[in-house]
Amino acid sequence: MKRFMMTYLGGNQPSNPEEGKAHFAKYREWLTSLGDAVLVPAAPLKDPTTINPDGTITQGSTTAMSGYTIVEADSMEAALEMGKVCPFLEIGGSLEVSELMEMPV
């Protein structure tokens, strides 16, 4: 099986706690539906800090990446099918799906 990372880009924050709970319930339902294919269910990013090429450090991100999920699938097409029904798309976010390559150590 190949491993794929679904990178969460953008997306709108819930306008109230009830909306947040409803969205999170949909997200958990989606992850549950993927079963054993899910290796890393949810990894939201918090307080990004950027190290720049000149060595300076700045607070914040240079991308719209807000988190990721890692799944196993037979092919990119299968991983894309999993992602097409992700509730993150319902809140205006996009998913970037990438195959994770094995690198020798």
C-alpha atoms as a PDB file:
ATOM      1  CA  MET A   1       0.000   0.000   0.000  1.00  0.00           C
ATOM      2  CA  LYS A   2       1.095   3.522  -0.710  1.00  0.00           C
ATOM      3  CA  ARG A   3       0.811   6.366   1.816  1.00  0.00           C
ATOM      4  CA  PHE A   4      -0.789   9.698   0.946  1.00  0.00           C
ATOM      5  CA  MET A   5      -0.916  12.987   2.800  1.00  0.00           C
ATOM      6  CA  MET A   6      -4.059  15.085   2.523  1.00  0.00           C
ATOM      7  CA  THR A   7      -2.982  18.638   3.257  1.00  0.00           C
ATOM      8  CA  TYR A   8      -5.711  20.998   4.458  1.00  0.00           C
ATOM      9  CA  LEU A   9      -5.495  24.427   2.812  1.00  0.00           C
ATOM     10  CA  GLY A  10      -7.584  27.439   3.809  1.00  0.00           C
ATOM     11  CA  GLY A  11     -11.068  26.844   5.127  1.00  0.00           C
ATOM     12  CA  ASN A  12     -13.415  28.996   7.163  1.00  0.00           C
ATOM     13  CA  GLN A  13     -13.571  28.911  10.941  1.00  0.00           C
ATOM     14  CA  PRO A  14     -16.946  28.049  12.519  1.00  0.00           C
ATOM     15  CA  SER A  15     -18.998  31.111  13.397  1.00  0.00           C
ATOM     16  CA  ASN A  16     -20.074  29.642  16.748  1.00  0.00           C
ATOM     17  CA  PRO A  17     -19.385  26.628  19.004  1.00  0.00           C
ATOM     18  CA  GLU A  18     -22.447  24.708  17.778  1.00  0.00           C
ATOM     19  CA  GLU A  19     -21.312  25.027  14.165  1.00  0.00           C
ATOM     20  CA  GLY A  20     -17.854  23.834  15.201  1.00  0.00           C
ATOM     21  CA  LYS A  21     -19.271  20.773  16.972  1.00  0.00           C
ATOM     22  CA  ALA A  22     -21.456  19.891  13.981  1.00  0.00           C
ATOM     23  CA  HIS A  23     -18.510  20.149  11.598  1.00  0.00           C
ATOM     24  CA  PHE A  24     -16.255  18.103  13.886  1.00  0.00           C
ATOM     25  CA  ALA A  25     -18.942  15.380  14.071  1.00  0.00           C
ATOM     26  CA  LYS A  26     -18.995  15.188  10.253  1.00  0.00           C
ATOM     27  CA  TYR A  27     -15.205  15.058  10.201  1.00  0.00           C
ATOM     28  CA  ARG A  28     -15.116  12.182  12.717  1.00  0.00           C
ATOM     29  CA  GLU A  29     -17.783  10.332  10.714  1.00  0.00           C
ATOM     30  CA  TRP A  30     -15.679  10.723   7.547  1.00  0.00           C
ATOM     31  CA  LEU A  31     -12.546   9.416   9.281  1.00  0.00           C
ATOM     32  CA  THR A  32     -14.474   6.472  10.721  1.00  0.00           C
ATOM     33  CA  SER A  33     -15.791   5.628   7.246  1.00  0.00           C
ATOM     34  CA  LEU A  34     -12.187   5.327   5.997  1.00  0.00           C
ATOM     35  CA  GLY A  35     -11.453   2.624   8.582  1.00  0.00           C
ATOM     36  CA  ASP A  36      -7.951   1.167   8.713  1.00  0.00           C
ATOM     37  CA  ALA A  37      -6.821   3.290   5.757  1.00  0.00           C
ATOM     38  CA  VAL A  38      -6.304   6.186   8.182  1.00  0.00           C
ATOM     39  CA  LEU A  39      -2.765   6.274   9.594  1.00  0.00           C
ATOM     40  CA  VAL A  40      -2.808   9.820  11.037  1.00  0.00           C
ATOM     41  CA  PRO A  41      -6.436  10.939  11.472  1.00  0.00           C
ATOM     42  CA  ALA A  42      -5.990  14.619  12.141  1.00  0.00           C
ATOM     43  CA  ALA A  43      -2.961  16.749  12.678  1.00  0.00           C
ATOM     44  CA  PRO A  44      -3.966  20.416  12.902  1.00  0.00           C
ATOM     45  CA  LEU A  45      -1.122  22.904  12.878  1.00  0.00           C
ATOM     46  CA  LYS A  46      -0.802  25.393  15.731  1.00  0.00           C
ATOM     47  CA  ASP A  47       1.269  28.568  15.975  1.00  0.00           C
ATOM     48  CA  PRO A  48       3.492  28.123  12.902  1.00  0.00           C
ATOM     49  CA  THR A  49       6.885  29.797  12.954  1.00  0.00           C
ATOM     50  CA  THR A  50       8.968  30.236   9.811  1.00  0.00           C
ATOM     51  CA  ILE A  51      12.742  29.942   9.532  1.00  0.00           C
ATOM     52  CA  ASN A  52      13.693  32.057   6.518  1.00  0.00           C
ATOM     53  CA  PRO A  53      16.579  31.342   4.098  1.00  0.00           C
ATOM     54  CA  ASP A  54      18.695  34.036   5.785  1.00  0.00           C
ATOM     55  CA  GLY A  55      18.213  32.380   9.182  1.00  0.00           C
ATOM     56  CA  THR A  56      15.748  34.935  10.559  1.00  0.00           C
ATOM     57  CA  ILE A  57      12.656  33.666  12.303  1.00  0.00           C
ATOM     58  CA  THR A  58       9.170  35.106  11.821  1.00  0.00           C
ATOM     59  CA  GLN A  59       5.871  34.223  13.467  1.00  0.00           C
ATOM     60  CA  GLY A  60       3.211  32.799  11.194  1.00  0.00           C
ATOM     61  CA  SER A  61       3.090  30.655   8.109  1.00  0.00           C
ATOM     62  CA  THR A  62       3.962  31.413   4.517  1.00  0.00           C
ATOM     63  CA  THR A  63       1.257  28.979   3.310  1.00  0.00           C
ATOM     64  CA  ALA A  64      -2.444  28.375   3.872  1.00  0.00           C
ATOM     65  CA  MET A  65      -1.733  24.898   5.285  1.00  0.00           C
ATOM     66  CA  SER A  66      -3.764  24.271   8.425  1.00  0.00           C
ATOM     67  CA  GLY A  67      -3.171  20.547   8.977  1.00  0.00           C
ATOM     68  CA  TYR A  68      -3.035  17.110   7.390  1.00  0.00           C
ATOM     69  CA  THR A  69      -4.291  13.534   7.412  1.00  0.00           C
ATOM     70  CA  ILE A  70      -2.261  10.524   6.260  1.00  0.00           C
ATOM     71  CA  VAL A  71      -3.992   7.538   4.643  1.00  0.00           C
ATOM     72  CA  GLU A  72      -3.025   4.308   2.923  1.00  0.00           C
ATOM     73  CA  ALA A  73      -4.428   3.562  -0.518  1.00  0.00           C
ATOM     74  CA  ASP A  74      -3.596   1.449  -3.546  1.00  0.00           C
ATOM     75  CA  SER A  75      -3.329   4.450  -5.849  1.00  0.00           C
ATOM     76  CA  MET A  76      -3.591   8.227  -6.151  1.00  0.00           C
ATOM     77  CA  GLU A  77      -7.054   7.732  -7.649  1.00  0.00           C
ATOM     78  CA  ALA A  78      -8.191   5.810  -4.564  1.00  0.00           C
ATOM     79  CA  ALA A  79      -6.771   8.484  -2.241  1.00  0.00           C
ATOM     80  CA  LEU A  80      -8.526  11.199  -4.249  1.00  0.00           C
ATOM     81  CA  GLU A  81     -11.831   9.348  -3.932  1.00  0.00           C
ATOM     82  CA  MET A  82     -11.364   9.302  -0.137  1.00  0.00           C
ATOM     83  CA  GLY A  83     -10.669  13.028  -0.126  1.00  0.00           C
ATOM     84  CA  LYS A  84     -13.598  14.013  -2.350  1.00  0.00           C
ATOM     85  CA  VAL A  85     -16.047  13.469   0.502  1.00  0.00           C
ATOM     86  CA  CYS A  86     -14.004  15.154   3.246  1.00  0.00           C
ATOM     87  CA  PRO A  87     -16.123  17.675   5.211  1.00  0.00           C
ATOM     88  CA  PHE A  88     -13.238  20.177   5.076  1.00  0.00           C
ATOM     89  CA  LEU A  89     -14.377  20.940   1.528  1.00  0.00           C
ATOM     90  CA  GLU A  90     -17.768  22.057   2.937  1.00  0.00           C
ATOM     91  CA  ILE A  91     -16.140  24.923   4.854  1.00  0.00           C
ATOM     92  CA  GLY A  92     -14.388  26.413   1.840  1.00  0.00           C
ATOM     93  CA  GLY A  93     -11.110  24.557   2.244  1.00  0.00           C
ATOM     94  CA  SER A  94      -9.127  22.618  -0.330  1.00  0.00           C
ATOM     95  CA  LEU A  95      -7.262  19.328  -0.025  1.00  0.00           C
ATOM     96  CA  GLU A  96      -3.907  18.779  -1.662  1.00  0.00           C
ATOM     97  CA  VAL A  97      -3.226  15.038  -1.951  1.00  0.00           C
ATOM     98  CA  SER A  98       0.391  13.892  -2.293  1.00  0.00           C
ATOM     99  CA  GLU A  99       1.985  10.464  -2.299  1.00  0.00           C
ATOM    100  CA  LEU A 100       4.587  10.132   0.443  1.00  0.00           C
ATOM    101  CA  MET A 101       7.844   8.758  -0.884  1.00  0.00           C
ATOM    102  CA  GLU A 102      10.188   6.534   1.122  1.00  0.00           C
ATOM    103  CA  MET A 103      13.656   8.030   1.476  1.00  0.00           C
ATOM    104  CA  PRO A 104      16.727   6.033   2.516  1.00  0.00           C
ATOM    105  CA  VAL A 105      18.286   7.101   5.778  1.00  0.00           C
END
